[in-house]
Protein backbone atom coordinates (compact mmCIF):
# COMPACT_ATOMS: atom_id res chain seq x y z
CA UNK A 1 -25.64 -13.01 96.87
CA UNK A 2 -27.26 -15.42 99.39
CA UNK A 3 -30.14 -13.63 99.96
CA UNK A 4 -33.53 -15.92 100.01
CA UNK A 5 -35.77 -16.30 97.16
CA UNK A 6 -32.67 -15.06 95.40
CA UNK A 7 -31.30 -17.30 92.56
CA UNK A 8 -28.20 -18.86 94.20
CA UNK A 9 -30.48 -19.60 97.53
CA UNK A 10 -30.87 -23.06 96.21
CA UNK A 11 -29.74 -25.33 93.78
CA UNK A 12 -33.59 -25.71 92.77
CA UNK A 13 -33.22 -21.99 92.48
CA UNK A 14 -30.23 -21.84 90.50
CA UNK A 15 -31.13 -24.32 88.09
CA UNK A 16 -35.04 -22.38 87.79
CA UNK A 17 -32.37 -18.93 86.99
CA UNK A 18 -30.60 -20.89 84.34
CA UNK A 19 -33.57 -21.56 82.28
CA UNK A 20 -34.49 -18.08 81.93
CA UNK A 21 -30.70 -17.08 81.01
CA UNK A 22 -31.97 -15.87 77.67
CA UNK A 23 -34.35 -13.56 78.95
CA UNK A 24 -32.01 -11.79 81.49
CA UNK A 25 -29.31 -11.77 79.45
CA UNK A 26 -31.31 -9.59 77.21
CA UNK A 27 -33.00 -7.56 79.99
CA UNK A 28 -29.50 -7.32 81.80
CA UNK A 29 -26.82 -6.99 79.25
CA UNK A 30 -27.18 -3.75 77.48
CA UNK A 31 -28.61 -2.03 81.20
CA UNK A 32 -26.44 0.64 81.97
CA UNK A 33 -26.21 3.04 84.29
CA UNK A 34 -25.74 7.27 84.31
CA UNK A 35 -22.76 9.17 86.26
CA UNK A 36 -25.10 10.11 88.53
CA UNK A 37 -26.08 6.97 89.55
CA UNK A 38 -22.14 5.79 89.55
CA UNK A 39 -21.56 8.24 92.18
CA UNK A 40 -24.47 8.57 94.42
CA UNK A 41 -26.02 5.41 95.22
CA UNK A 42 -23.76 2.45 93.27
CA UNK A 43 -20.95 3.63 95.38
CA UNK A 44 -22.28 3.70 98.57
CA UNK A 45 -22.26 -0.09 97.91
CA UNK A 46 -18.71 0.04 98.97
CA UNK A 47 -19.64 1.47 102.32
CA UNK A 48 -16.78 4.02 103.75
CA UNK A 49 -15.86 6.42 100.81
CA UNK A 50 -12.36 6.25 99.51
CA UNK A 51 -10.93 9.47 100.81
CA UNK A 52 -10.06 12.51 98.42
CA UNK A 53 -6.62 13.83 99.51
CA UNK A 54 -4.30 13.59 96.37
CA UNK A 55 -3.57 16.35 93.82
CA UNK A 56 -2.11 16.63 90.77
CA UNK A 57 1.43 16.45 91.25
CA UNK A 58 0.23 12.97 93.22
CA UNK A 59 -1.37 11.85 89.75
CA UNK A 60 1.82 13.05 87.72
CA UNK A 61 4.26 10.91 89.75
CA UNK A 62 1.56 8.06 89.53
CA UNK A 63 1.44 8.34 86.13
CA UNK A 64 5.38 8.38 85.23
CA UNK A 65 5.74 5.52 87.99
CA UNK A 66 2.93 3.46 86.03
CA UNK A 67 4.70 3.76 82.48
CA UNK A 68 8.03 4.02 83.46
CA UNK A 69 8.74 0.99 84.33
CA UNK A 70 11.94 -1.88 83.14
CA UNK A 71 9.83 -1.73 79.40
CA UNK A 72 12.34 0.81 77.70
CA UNK A 73 15.23 -0.75 78.49
CA UNK A 74 14.00 -3.36 76.48
CA UNK A 75 11.69 -2.55 73.83
CA UNK A 76 13.86 0.16 72.63
CA UNK A 77 16.55 -2.21 71.57
CA UNK A 78 14.42 -4.06 69.26
CA UNK A 79 12.78 -0.92 68.12
CA UNK A 80 16.01 0.57 66.85
CA UNK A 81 17.96 -2.60 65.54
CA UNK A 82 14.86 -4.28 63.72
CA UNK A 83 12.25 -1.46 62.98
CA UNK A 84 13.29 2.19 62.74
CA UNK A 85 16.91 2.81 63.35
CA UNK A 86 17.69 5.68 64.80
CA UNK A 87 14.47 7.17 63.77
CA UNK A 88 13.24 5.57 67.21
CA UNK A 89 13.56 8.47 68.35
CA UNK A 90 10.10 9.84 66.41
CA UNK A 91 8.46 6.02 67.06
CA UNK A 92 8.70 6.81 70.26
CA UNK A 93 6.94 10.64 69.52
CA UNK A 94 3.96 8.78 67.61
CA UNK A 95 3.23 6.48 70.44
CA UNK A 96 3.64 9.44 73.32
CA UNK A 97 0.76 11.23 70.91
CA UNK A 98 -1.16 7.95 70.45
CA UNK A 99 -0.92 7.64 74.37
CA UNK A 100 -1.73 11.32 75.23
CA UNK A 101 -4.65 11.15 72.85
CA UNK A 102 -6.83 7.75 74.48
CA UNK A 103 -5.59 10.18 77.78
CA UNK A 104 -7.45 12.92 76.53
CA UNK A 105 -11.03 10.59 76.36
CA UNK A 106 -10.03 8.79 79.57
CA UNK A 107 -9.72 13.22 81.21
CA UNK A 108 -13.07 13.74 79.62
CA UNK A 109 -14.81 10.73 81.72
CA UNK A 110 -13.19 10.91 84.62
CA UNK A 111 -13.63 14.81 85.30
CA UNK A 112 -17.37 14.22 84.20
CA UNK A 113 -17.39 10.96 86.91
CA UNK A 114 -15.11 10.89 89.57
CA UNK A 115 -15.15 6.74 90.00
CA UNK A 116 -12.76 4.35 90.78
CA UNK A 117 -13.53 2.38 88.38
CA UNK A 118 -11.96 3.84 85.04
CA UNK A 119 -12.60 2.57 81.51
CA UNK A 120 -15.25 -0.56 82.99
CA UNK A 121 -17.50 2.83 84.59
CA UNK A 122 -16.55 4.98 81.58
CA UNK A 123 -18.00 2.19 79.23
CA UNK A 124 -21.02 0.92 81.75
CA UNK A 125 -22.47 3.93 81.55
CA UNK A 126 -22.12 4.12 77.97
CA UNK A 127 -22.66 0.35 75.76
CA UNK A 128 -24.03 -1.16 78.67
CA UNK A 129 -23.03 -3.94 81.36
CA UNK A 130 -22.09 -6.95 79.39
CA UNK A 131 -19.55 -5.36 77.48
CA UNK A 132 -18.56 -3.22 80.30
CA UNK A 133 -18.08 -6.68 82.37
CA UNK A 134 -16.16 -8.33 79.12
CA UNK A 135 -13.28 -5.67 78.76
CA UNK A 136 -13.19 -4.67 81.99
CA UNK A 137 -12.29 -8.66 83.14
CA UNK A 138 -10.16 -8.55 80.67
CA UNK A 139 -7.67 -5.78 81.63
CA UNK A 140 -8.11 -6.75 85.21
CA UNK A 141 -6.22 -9.91 84.37
CA UNK A 142 -4.42 -8.02 81.67
CA UNK A 143 -2.97 -6.48 85.45
CA UNK A 144 -3.10 -10.04 87.16
CA UNK A 145 -0.16 -11.15 84.17
CA UNK A 146 1.57 -8.07 83.65
CA UNK A 147 2.16 -7.44 87.07
CA UNK A 148 3.07 -11.05 87.69
CA UNK A 149 5.43 -10.41 84.76
CA UNK A 150 7.09 -7.37 86.34
CA UNK A 151 7.86 -8.90 89.73
CA UNK A 152 9.91 -11.69 88.40
CA UNK A 153 12.03 -8.95 86.18
CA UNK A 154 12.00 -7.34 89.25
CA UNK A 155 14.51 -10.66 90.38
CA UNK A 156 16.29 -10.76 87.12
CA UNK A 157 17.40 -6.79 87.28
CA UNK A 158 18.30 -6.72 91.28
CA UNK A 159 20.49 -9.53 90.16
CA UNK A 160 22.01 -7.53 87.36
CA UNK A 161 22.48 -4.88 89.89
CA UNK A 162 24.28 -6.89 91.93
CA UNK A 163 26.05 -9.36 89.53
CA UNK A 164 24.50 -12.50 90.40
CA UNK A 165 22.61 -14.48 87.85
CA UNK A 166 19.37 -14.76 89.27
CA UNK A 167 17.97 -17.53 87.26
CA UNK A 168 20.91 -20.26 88.67
CA UNK A 169 21.02 -18.29 92.34
CA UNK A 170 17.18 -17.35 93.15
CA UNK A 171 14.72 -19.17 91.72
CA UNK A 172 14.35 -22.67 92.89
CA UNK A 173 13.74 -25.39 89.86
CA UNK A 174 11.29 -28.07 90.11
CA UNK A 175 12.01 -30.82 87.97
CA UNK A 176 8.38 -32.54 88.21
CA UNK A 177 6.42 -29.33 86.38
CA UNK A 178 6.67 -28.20 82.64
CA UNK A 179 8.76 -26.08 81.63
CA UNK A 180 8.33 -22.84 81.67
CA UNK A 181 6.71 -23.43 85.02
CA UNK A 182 9.27 -24.76 86.92
CA UNK A 183 11.52 -22.14 88.36
CA UNK A 184 9.84 -20.51 91.90
CA UNK A 185 10.56 -17.15 92.43
CA UNK A 186 10.34 -16.13 95.29
CA UNK A 187 11.81 -13.21 95.83
CA UNK A 188 8.80 -11.99 92.96
CA UNK A 189 6.19 -13.52 95.49
CA UNK A 190 7.48 -10.89 98.83
CA UNK A 191 7.98 -8.18 96.80
CA UNK A 192 3.71 -8.61 95.23
CA UNK A 193 2.94 -9.16 99.47
CA UNK A 194 4.75 -6.22 100.26
CA UNK A 195 3.13 -3.88 97.77
CA UNK A 196 -0.49 -5.68 98.39
CA UNK A 197 0.24 -4.38 102.35
CA UNK A 198 1.12 -0.86 101.49
CA UNK A 199 -1.32 -0.54 99.13
CA UNK A 200 -3.88 -2.29 101.49
CA UNK A 201 -2.90 0.63 104.49
CA UNK A 202 -3.10 4.12 102.73
CA UNK A 203 -3.14 5.59 99.08
CA UNK A 204 -2.21 8.71 100.78
CA UNK A 205 1.10 6.37 101.83
CA UNK A 206 1.20 4.83 98.77
CA UNK A 207 1.20 8.25 97.18
CA UNK A 208 4.60 8.99 98.96
CA UNK A 209 6.41 5.83 98.35
CA UNK A 210 5.90 6.87 95.19
CA UNK A 211 6.84 9.59 94.80
CA UNK A 212 10.00 8.14 96.87
CA UNK A 213 10.74 5.32 94.21
CA UNK A 214 9.95 7.46 90.96
CA UNK A 215 12.35 10.13 92.08
CA UNK A 216 15.36 7.84 92.71
CA UNK A 217 14.38 6.33 89.20
CA UNK A 218 14.11 9.50 87.22
CA UNK A 219 17.97 9.66 88.18
CA UNK A 220 18.89 6.73 87.55
CA UNK A 221 17.24 7.86 83.98
CA UNK A 222 18.77 11.43 83.49
CA UNK A 223 22.30 9.89 84.58
CA UNK A 224 21.72 6.96 81.15
CA UNK A 225 20.95 10.30 79.40
CA UNK A 226 23.50 12.25 80.14
CA UNK A 227 26.21 9.03 79.83
CA UNK A 228 24.54 8.85 76.35
CA UNK A 229 25.11 12.12 74.97
CA UNK A 230 28.69 12.55 76.74
CA UNK A 231 30.49 9.56 75.43
CA UNK A 232 27.96 9.12 72.47
CA UNK A 233 28.65 10.60 68.38
CA UNK A 234 26.17 12.13 66.33
CA UNK A 235 27.62 10.36 63.03
CA UNK A 236 25.49 7.47 65.00
CA UNK A 237 22.09 9.27 63.87
CA UNK A 238 23.09 8.70 60.33
CA UNK A 239 25.62 5.80 60.03
CA UNK A 240 25.35 2.16 60.50
CA UNK A 241 28.36 0.50 61.44
CA UNK A 242 28.08 -2.06 57.88
CA UNK A 243 28.08 0.18 54.66
CA UNK A 244 25.80 -2.97 53.11
CA UNK A 245 22.95 -2.15 55.55
CA UNK A 246 20.96 0.67 54.82
CA UNK A 247 21.88 4.27 56.40
CA UNK A 248 20.89 7.39 57.14
CA UNK A 249 18.68 8.86 60.08
CA UNK A 250 15.29 6.48 58.39
CA UNK A 251 17.45 3.47 57.46
CA UNK A 252 14.24 1.86 57.34
CA UNK A 253 11.73 4.69 55.27
CA UNK A 254 8.10 5.65 57.46
CA UNK A 255 6.83 2.15 57.65
CA UNK A 256 9.78 1.24 59.94
CA UNK A 257 9.24 4.67 62.30
CA UNK A 258 5.06 3.17 62.64
CA UNK A 259 6.17 -0.44 63.02
CA UNK A 260 9.11 0.91 66.01
CA UNK A 261 6.36 3.60 67.38
CA UNK A 262 3.80 0.00 67.62
CA UNK A 263 6.60 -1.77 69.32
CA UNK A 264 7.32 0.69 71.99
CA UNK A 265 3.83 1.98 72.62
CA UNK A 266 3.28 -0.97 75.05
CA UNK A 267 5.71 1.33 77.36
CA UNK A 268 2.80 3.71 78.17
CA UNK A 269 0.64 1.18 78.58
CA UNK A 270 -0.01 2.35 82.47
CA UNK A 271 -1.73 5.37 82.73
CA UNK A 272 -5.15 4.67 82.40
CA UNK A 273 -4.49 3.05 86.56
CA UNK A 274 -4.67 7.00 87.22
CA UNK A 275 -7.99 7.57 86.21
CA UNK A 276 -8.63 5.01 88.58
CA UNK A 277 -7.91 7.56 91.07
CA UNK A 278 -10.24 9.67 90.29
CA UNK A 279 -12.33 8.70 93.38
CA UNK A 280 -9.14 10.10 96.06
CA UNK A 281 -8.68 13.39 93.69
CA UNK A 282 -9.30 16.51 95.81
CA UNK A 283 -10.52 18.54 93.18
CA UNK A 284 -11.04 16.28 89.97
CA UNK A 285 -11.65 19.29 87.25
CA UNK A 286 -8.36 20.52 87.33
CA UNK A 287 -6.52 17.56 89.08
CA UNK A 288 -7.14 15.72 87.05
CA UNK A 289 -6.56 16.82 83.63
CA UNK A 290 -3.48 17.99 84.60
CA UNK A 291 -2.17 14.97 86.09
CA UNK A 292 -3.47 12.07 83.24
CA UNK A 293 -1.64 14.57 80.53
CA UNK A 294 1.22 15.96 81.99
CA UNK A 295 2.43 12.42 82.93
CA UNK A 296 2.18 11.40 79.46
CA UNK A 297 4.12 14.69 78.32
CA UNK A 298 6.73 13.96 80.42
CA UNK A 299 7.11 10.29 79.94
CA UNK A 300 7.35 10.77 76.26
CA UNK A 301 10.00 13.03 76.54
CA UNK A 302 12.18 11.44 78.77
CA UNK A 303 11.58 8.21 76.34
CA UNK A 304 13.04 10.31 73.71
CA UNK A 305 15.87 11.76 75.42
CA UNK A 306 16.60 8.06 75.94
CA UNK A 307 16.25 6.99 72.21
CA UNK A 308 18.45 9.76 71.05
CA UNK A 309 21.19 8.57 73.86
CA UNK A 310 20.86 5.25 73.10
CA UNK A 311 21.34 5.83 69.36
CA UNK A 312 24.03 8.01 69.81
CA UNK A 313 25.89 5.64 71.80
CA UNK A 314 26.09 2.61 69.08
CA UNK A 315 25.24 2.94 65.15
CA UNK A 316 21.54 1.05 65.27
CA UNK A 317 23.10 -2.09 63.79
CA UNK A 318 25.14 -2.97 66.66
CA UNK A 319 22.81 -2.20 69.33
CA UNK A 320 21.51 -5.89 71.33
CA UNK A 321 17.70 -6.23 70.85
CA UNK A 322 17.53 -7.71 74.59
CA UNK A 323 19.43 -5.42 75.83
CA UNK A 324 20.35 -2.15 74.25
CA UNK A 325 21.89 -0.05 77.18
CA UNK A 326 23.70 -2.28 78.92
CA UNK A 327 25.03 -3.65 75.23
CA UNK A 328 25.64 0.09 74.02
CA UNK A 329 28.38 0.73 77.50
CA UNK A 330 30.20 -2.44 76.89
CA UNK A 331 30.41 -1.83 73.70
CA UNK A 332 32.03 1.58 74.44
CA UNK A 333 34.64 0.22 76.78
CA UNK A 334 34.90 -2.20 79.66
CA UNK A 335 35.67 0.60 81.51
CA UNK A 336 31.95 1.15 81.53
CA UNK A 337 31.12 -1.90 82.59
CA UNK A 338 29.95 -0.40 85.66
CA UNK A 339 27.16 0.88 83.86
CA UNK A 340 25.62 -2.16 83.35
CA UNK A 341 24.97 -2.67 87.12
CA UNK A 342 23.45 1.11 87.59
CA UNK A 343 20.94 -0.09 84.80
CA UNK A 344 20.24 -2.94 86.95
CA UNK A 345 19.47 -1.10 89.82
CA UNK A 346 17.55 2.00 87.96
CA UNK A 347 15.39 -0.86 86.07
CA UNK A 348 14.68 -2.85 89.70
CA UNK A 349 12.71 0.68 90.98
CA UNK A 350 11.42 1.36 88.12
CA UNK A 351 9.31 -2.22 88.51
CA UNK A 352 8.75 -0.90 91.91
CA UNK A 353 7.24 2.21 90.85
CA UNK A 354 4.96 0.22 87.88
CA UNK A 355 3.64 -2.64 89.93
CA UNK A 356 2.98 -0.61 92.75
CA UNK A 357 0.33 1.81 90.56
CA UNK A 358 -0.80 -0.92 88.96
CA UNK A 359 -1.48 -2.90 91.34
CA UNK A 360 -3.86 0.04 92.50
CA UNK A 361 -5.56 0.39 89.99
CA UNK A 362 -6.16 -3.21 88.90
CA UNK A 363 -7.54 -3.54 93.02
CA UNK A 364 -10.31 -0.26 92.03
CA UNK A 365 -11.13 -2.02 88.88
CA UNK A 366 -12.72 -4.61 90.90
CA UNK A 367 -13.85 -2.57 93.77
CA UNK A 368 -16.20 -0.86 90.96
CA UNK A 369 -17.15 -4.36 89.05
CA UNK A 370 -18.32 -5.46 92.61
CA UNK A 371 -20.42 -2.55 92.98
CA UNK A 372 -22.15 -2.89 89.81
CA UNK A 373 -23.32 -6.49 91.13
CA UNK A 374 -21.79 -8.90 88.24
CA UNK A 375 -19.41 -10.37 90.61
CA UNK A 376 -19.52 -10.58 94.98
CA UNK A 377 -20.45 -7.71 96.71
CA UNK A 378 -17.53 -8.92 99.03
CA UNK A 379 -14.76 -7.42 96.76
CA UNK A 380 -16.54 -3.84 96.69
CA UNK A 381 -15.84 -3.07 100.28
CA UNK A 382 -14.27 -0.74 101.39
CA UNK A 383 -12.44 -0.60 104.77
CA UNK A 384 -13.35 1.40 107.44
CA UNK A 385 -10.01 2.55 108.75
CA UNK A 386 -8.11 2.21 106.05
CA UNK A 387 -10.45 3.56 103.00
CA UNK A 388 -9.20 1.47 100.68
CA UNK A 389 -10.64 -1.69 98.89
CA UNK A 390 -8.11 -4.08 101.02
CA UNK A 391 -10.56 -7.06 99.92
CA UNK A 392 -10.36 -6.51 95.79
CA UNK A 393 -6.74 -5.93 97.22
CA UNK A 394 -5.54 -8.41 98.91
CA UNK A 395 -7.56 -11.17 96.32
CA UNK A 396 -5.64 -9.77 93.28
CA UNK A 397 -2.34 -9.47 96.05
CA UNK A 398 -2.21 -13.54 96.23
CA UNK A 399 -3.66 -14.20 92.75
CA UNK A 400 -0.85 -12.21 91.07
CA UNK A 401 2.22 -13.62 93.80
CA UNK A 402 0.45 -17.09 92.69
CA UNK A 403 1.46 -16.26 89.21
CA UNK A 404 4.38 -15.13 89.49
CA UNK A 405 5.58 -17.86 91.84
CA UNK A 406 5.75 -20.35 88.85
CA UNK A 407 5.06 -18.57 85.72
CA UNK A 408 7.97 -17.91 83.42
CA UNK A 409 8.51 -14.27 82.26
CA UNK A 410 8.50 -14.87 78.00
CA UNK A 411 4.87 -17.36 79.19
CA UNK A 412 3.75 -14.22 80.56
CA UNK A 413 4.82 -11.83 78.00
CA UNK A 414 2.99 -13.57 75.11
CA UNK A 415 -0.45 -13.07 77.08
CA UNK A 416 -0.47 -8.87 77.19
CA UNK A 417 -1.25 -5.75 75.19
CA UNK A 418 -4.48 -6.80 73.79
CA UNK A 419 -6.74 -6.22 76.20
CA UNK A 420 -5.26 -2.94 77.69
CA UNK A 421 -5.38 -1.66 73.64
CA UNK A 422 -8.63 -2.96 72.87
CA UNK A 423 -10.08 -0.86 76.11
CA UNK A 424 -8.58 1.80 74.60
CA UNK A 425 -10.26 1.62 71.25
CA UNK A 426 -13.44 1.37 73.30
CA UNK A 427 -13.35 4.48 75.64
CA UNK A 428 -12.46 6.17 72.53
CA UNK A 429 -15.80 5.23 70.92
CA UNK A 430 -17.05 5.92 74.52
CA UNK A 431 -16.48 9.35 74.19
CA UNK A 432 -17.83 9.79 71.10
CA UNK A 433 -21.27 8.33 71.93
CA UNK A 434 -21.91 10.29 74.92
CA UNK A 435 -20.80 14.04 73.03
CA UNK A 436 -23.58 12.86 70.18
CA UNK A 437 -26.57 11.03 71.97
CA UNK A 438 -28.44 12.52 74.67
CA UNK A 439 -32.14 13.51 75.88
CA UNK A 440 -32.75 15.51 72.63
CA UNK A 441 -31.47 12.80 69.99
CA UNK A 442 -33.98 11.01 68.42
CA UNK A 443 -31.75 8.25 67.37
CA UNK A 444 -28.61 6.58 68.06
CA UNK A 445 -27.67 4.62 65.11
CA UNK A 446 -26.13 7.94 62.57
CA UNK A 447 -23.52 7.82 65.48
CA UNK A 448 -23.25 4.19 65.98
CA UNK A 449 -23.05 3.64 62.01
CA UNK A 450 -20.88 6.28 62.34
CA UNK A 451 -18.51 3.94 64.74
CA UNK A 452 -18.57 1.12 62.79
CA UNK A 453 -18.00 2.34 59.85
CA UNK A 454 -15.21 3.97 60.87
CA UNK A 455 -13.59 1.71 62.52
CA UNK A 456 -14.25 -0.97 59.62
CA UNK A 457 -12.06 1.14 57.39
CA UNK A 458 -8.66 1.71 59.95
CA UNK A 459 -9.47 -2.27 60.27
CA UNK A 460 -8.91 -2.66 56.70
CA UNK A 461 -5.91 -0.17 56.48
CA UNK A 462 -4.06 -1.42 59.13
CA UNK A 463 -5.18 -5.27 57.95
CA UNK A 464 -2.85 -4.33 54.42
CA UNK A 465 -0.48 -2.33 56.19
CA UNK A 466 0.92 -5.09 58.44
CA UNK A 467 -0.61 -7.92 55.67
CA UNK A 468 -0.39 -7.24 51.88
CA UNK A 469 2.40 -7.39 49.91
CA UNK A 470 4.16 -4.51 49.23
CA UNK A 471 3.44 -3.05 45.96
CA UNK A 472 0.55 -0.37 43.43
CA UNK A 473 -2.43 -2.32 44.96
CA UNK A 474 -1.59 -2.18 48.06
CA UNK A 475 -0.61 1.72 47.83
CA UNK A 476 -3.88 2.11 45.90
CA UNK A 477 -5.80 1.10 48.87
CA UNK A 478 -3.89 2.07 51.29
CA UNK A 479 -4.58 5.78 49.39
CA UNK A 480 -8.38 4.74 49.56
CA UNK A 481 -8.69 4.24 53.11
CA UNK A 482 -6.88 7.41 54.16
CA UNK A 483 -9.20 9.33 52.28
CA UNK A 484 -12.28 7.90 53.29
CA UNK A 485 -11.02 8.05 56.64
CA UNK A 486 -11.16 11.61 57.45
CA UNK A 487 -14.08 11.98 54.83
CA UNK A 488 -16.13 9.69 57.08
CA UNK A 489 -15.25 11.85 60.76
CA UNK A 490 -15.55 15.13 58.65
CA UNK A 491 -19.52 13.86 56.65
CA UNK A 492 -20.29 12.84 60.64
CA UNK A 493 -18.99 16.33 62.21
CA UNK A 494 -21.10 18.00 59.32
CA UNK A 495 -24.43 15.81 59.45
CA UNK A 496 -24.52 15.08 63.36
CA UNK A 497 -24.64 17.76 65.74
CA UNK A 498 -22.76 17.39 69.13
CA UNK A 499 -26.11 16.69 72.00
CA UNK A 500 -23.98 17.24 74.86
CA UNK A 501 -20.88 19.48 75.80
CA UNK A 502 -19.12 18.99 79.07
CA UNK A 503 -19.34 21.55 81.26
CA UNK A 504 -15.65 21.36 83.18
CA UNK A 505 -13.33 19.46 80.95
CA UNK A 506 -13.94 17.85 77.07
CA UNK A 507 -12.22 16.49 74.54
CA UNK A 508 -10.93 19.32 72.38
CA UNK A 509 -11.09 19.33 68.64
CA UNK A 510 -14.22 16.87 69.10
CA UNK A 511 -14.61 14.39 66.77
CA UNK A 512 -11.18 14.63 65.35
CA UNK A 513 -9.41 13.76 68.02
CA UNK A 514 -10.56 10.56 69.34
CA UNK A 515 -11.33 9.53 66.07
CA UNK A 516 -7.68 9.62 65.61
CA UNK A 517 -7.02 7.57 68.78
CA UNK A 518 -9.53 5.02 67.67
CA UNK A 519 -7.76 4.71 64.40
CA UNK A 520 -3.82 4.42 66.63
CA UNK A 521 -5.02 1.90 68.62
CA UNK A 522 -6.30 -0.54 66.25
CA UNK A 523 -3.19 -0.13 63.91
CA UNK A 524 -1.48 -0.96 67.03
CA UNK A 525 -3.97 -3.89 67.97
CA UNK A 526 -2.63 -5.38 64.49
CA UNK A 527 1.54 -5.57 65.31
CA UNK A 528 0.26 -7.55 67.60
CA UNK A 529 1.40 -11.60 67.66
CA UNK A 530 -1.03 -14.26 67.06
CA UNK A 531 -0.48 -15.79 70.64
CA UNK A 532 -2.55 -12.50 72.32
CA UNK A 533 -4.92 -13.28 70.03
CA UNK A 534 -5.20 -16.49 71.19
CA UNK A 535 -5.29 -15.34 75.00
CA UNK A 536 -7.90 -12.53 74.35
CA UNK A 537 -9.89 -15.10 72.63
CA UNK A 538 -10.06 -17.58 75.42
CA UNK A 539 -9.89 -15.54 78.37
CA UNK A 540 -13.30 -13.47 76.16
CA UNK A 541 -14.74 -17.36 76.59
CA UNK A 542 -14.39 -17.58 80.07
CA UNK A 543 -15.79 -13.95 80.58
CA UNK A 544 -18.61 -14.77 78.71
CA UNK A 545 -19.03 -17.93 80.65
CA UNK A 546 -19.13 -16.41 84.01
CA UNK A 547 -21.46 -14.07 82.84
CA UNK A 548 -24.15 -16.09 81.66
CA UNK A 549 -23.40 -18.54 84.69
CA UNK A 550 -23.15 -16.01 87.31
CA UNK A 551 -23.37 -12.59 86.43
CA UNK A 552 -26.18 -11.94 84.67
CA UNK A 553 -27.89 -14.06 87.32
CA UNK A 554 -26.48 -11.59 90.17
CA UNK A 555 -27.18 -8.97 88.37
CA UNK A 556 -30.89 -9.35 87.91
CA UNK A 557 -31.13 -10.26 91.42
CA UNK A 558 -29.36 -6.81 92.42
CA UNK A 559 -31.83 -5.45 90.40
CA UNK A 560 -34.76 -6.92 92.32
CA UNK A 561 -33.95 -6.00 95.31
CA UNK A 562 -33.23 -2.02 94.08
CA UNK A 563 -29.48 -2.40 94.31
CA UNK A 564 -28.19 -1.98 90.57
CA UNK A 565 -30.19 -0.20 88.21
CA UNK A 566 -32.76 -1.08 85.71
CA UNK A 567 -32.11 1.05 82.59
CA UNK A 568 -31.82 -0.04 78.82
CA UNK A 569 -29.61 1.80 76.42
CA UNK A 570 -33.18 3.68 75.80
CA UNK A 571 -34.41 4.44 79.25
CA UNK A 572 -31.36 6.13 80.37
CA UNK A 573 -31.81 8.96 77.80
CA UNK A 574 -34.57 10.17 80.70
CA UNK A 575 -32.16 10.16 83.46
CA UNK A 576 -29.58 12.09 81.32
CA UNK A 577 -31.41 15.51 82.33
CA UNK A 578 -31.19 14.87 86.03
CA UNK A 579 -27.39 14.00 85.88
CA UNK A 580 -27.05 16.95 84.32
CA UNK A 581 -28.52 19.70 86.19
CA UNK A 582 -27.26 17.77 89.18
CA UNK A 583 -23.71 18.46 87.92
CA UNK A 584 -24.63 22.03 86.71
CA UNK A 585 -26.03 22.78 90.20
CA UNK A 586 -22.94 21.62 92.26
CA UNK A 587 -20.52 23.70 89.64
């Protein structure tokens, strides 16, 4: 934003703008756009449109590729050995249900507003610019860090596949750098840069590559499942190797199943990237619901079968938390040690697909953030020949590669997940707000007060579940929360009518499904380690500082130039009539 007369045209102009920060913050922080604006004027700021050449089967493959990475080869071991035992199968089913409910909320927005911004756009049209910038920026950072971690994992797994220690053979140790940042991973950098070139070239070709890699990866997963059922024993579902350890299918009881679900849910994170491809879908009304929901259901089935295979191979107390599948085949017999190499190859393909999908998603997030005016418009530009957001893709590719070059895997893994779960929580709230607040609604406070009180009740339940000592007081308070939460939903459902119903596809059983999604996401947030919360607080503080020093002023300048919408939360009601009428006429 270097226009004459803008906040950034000179040092004096910038100082004057900073002096107006409070007024500009009040004016811009709660400003919202509409679906009509997001799909027309704001979308046009990128220049050429992205090509609409994706179908439902592309989205299913992108969803499977984004979710089925190497994570399941690690998290399943800890979930079974320490949390749920053989009932880890149910843990994956519960986590899959949580993912599916969140996916429903994403799908309603994506069908009604097929733009590349995903959760950023959904929250911006509901809760305003500042909230969207906060959660969108954290989500992009989560993508960057998790992609860097995945790229370094690729080096490890490809080494496992050919029997080479990646740490000693393929990583360069630099003695003068601190531990955790002193092993240079050139292979991880090359993988990220190659995939960056692929996603810059064409989304269609990226889809073809993803289909091939995903197909090969699923073959490896089916191989692992078949081997487990063939060589496994059903008695391992109910018997531990140590008679002093708890036995049965539920050795840790129902709490263990839910604790396991909280741990394995990270294996489902990735489907949200599919929503960022909505702008490139031929028929959003049918393709997006099938693609997003179908991929979550298929992945849940695969995960449950993998968990069953692992549980049949060994009693839960013998499963290696670090390498459950490779360790299980090694325990069965040295004759099956070659399976370790096969699993290394399969996991490597899984990492490539999850990297490809995540890098597509992160580029489209920052592209739409650029359209909103809170970061430079340069990020929003779509290349005229490739019809892809090349600037955003290249910037984030180089940024991710730089982090993957230096940073150790364990350092990165402590910094991801919370931002994504927080965004899922916000999208579930947003879909309820959009359904119950419209032009005819005299006040939004009944809906807002319900969302706040319901979330507070879920937070209390979560804190009691994870932190309170066992005993009757804990059981009584958990029971009270279990009665209050559904009571609030039923009261809201009876007292507050829906103001708007989607013309195309909507979340069924409103508001129950989004409320269950809100609860599950809060509950899963309660199982995240303290370093993740430190990360979230640290990056959120940086995001707030960037918004105060740059974004709010760039947004304010854009409004004056007529490039950015100037509606606040109250004024947006006036445009909803036009928006709904336009959509109905198009249908």
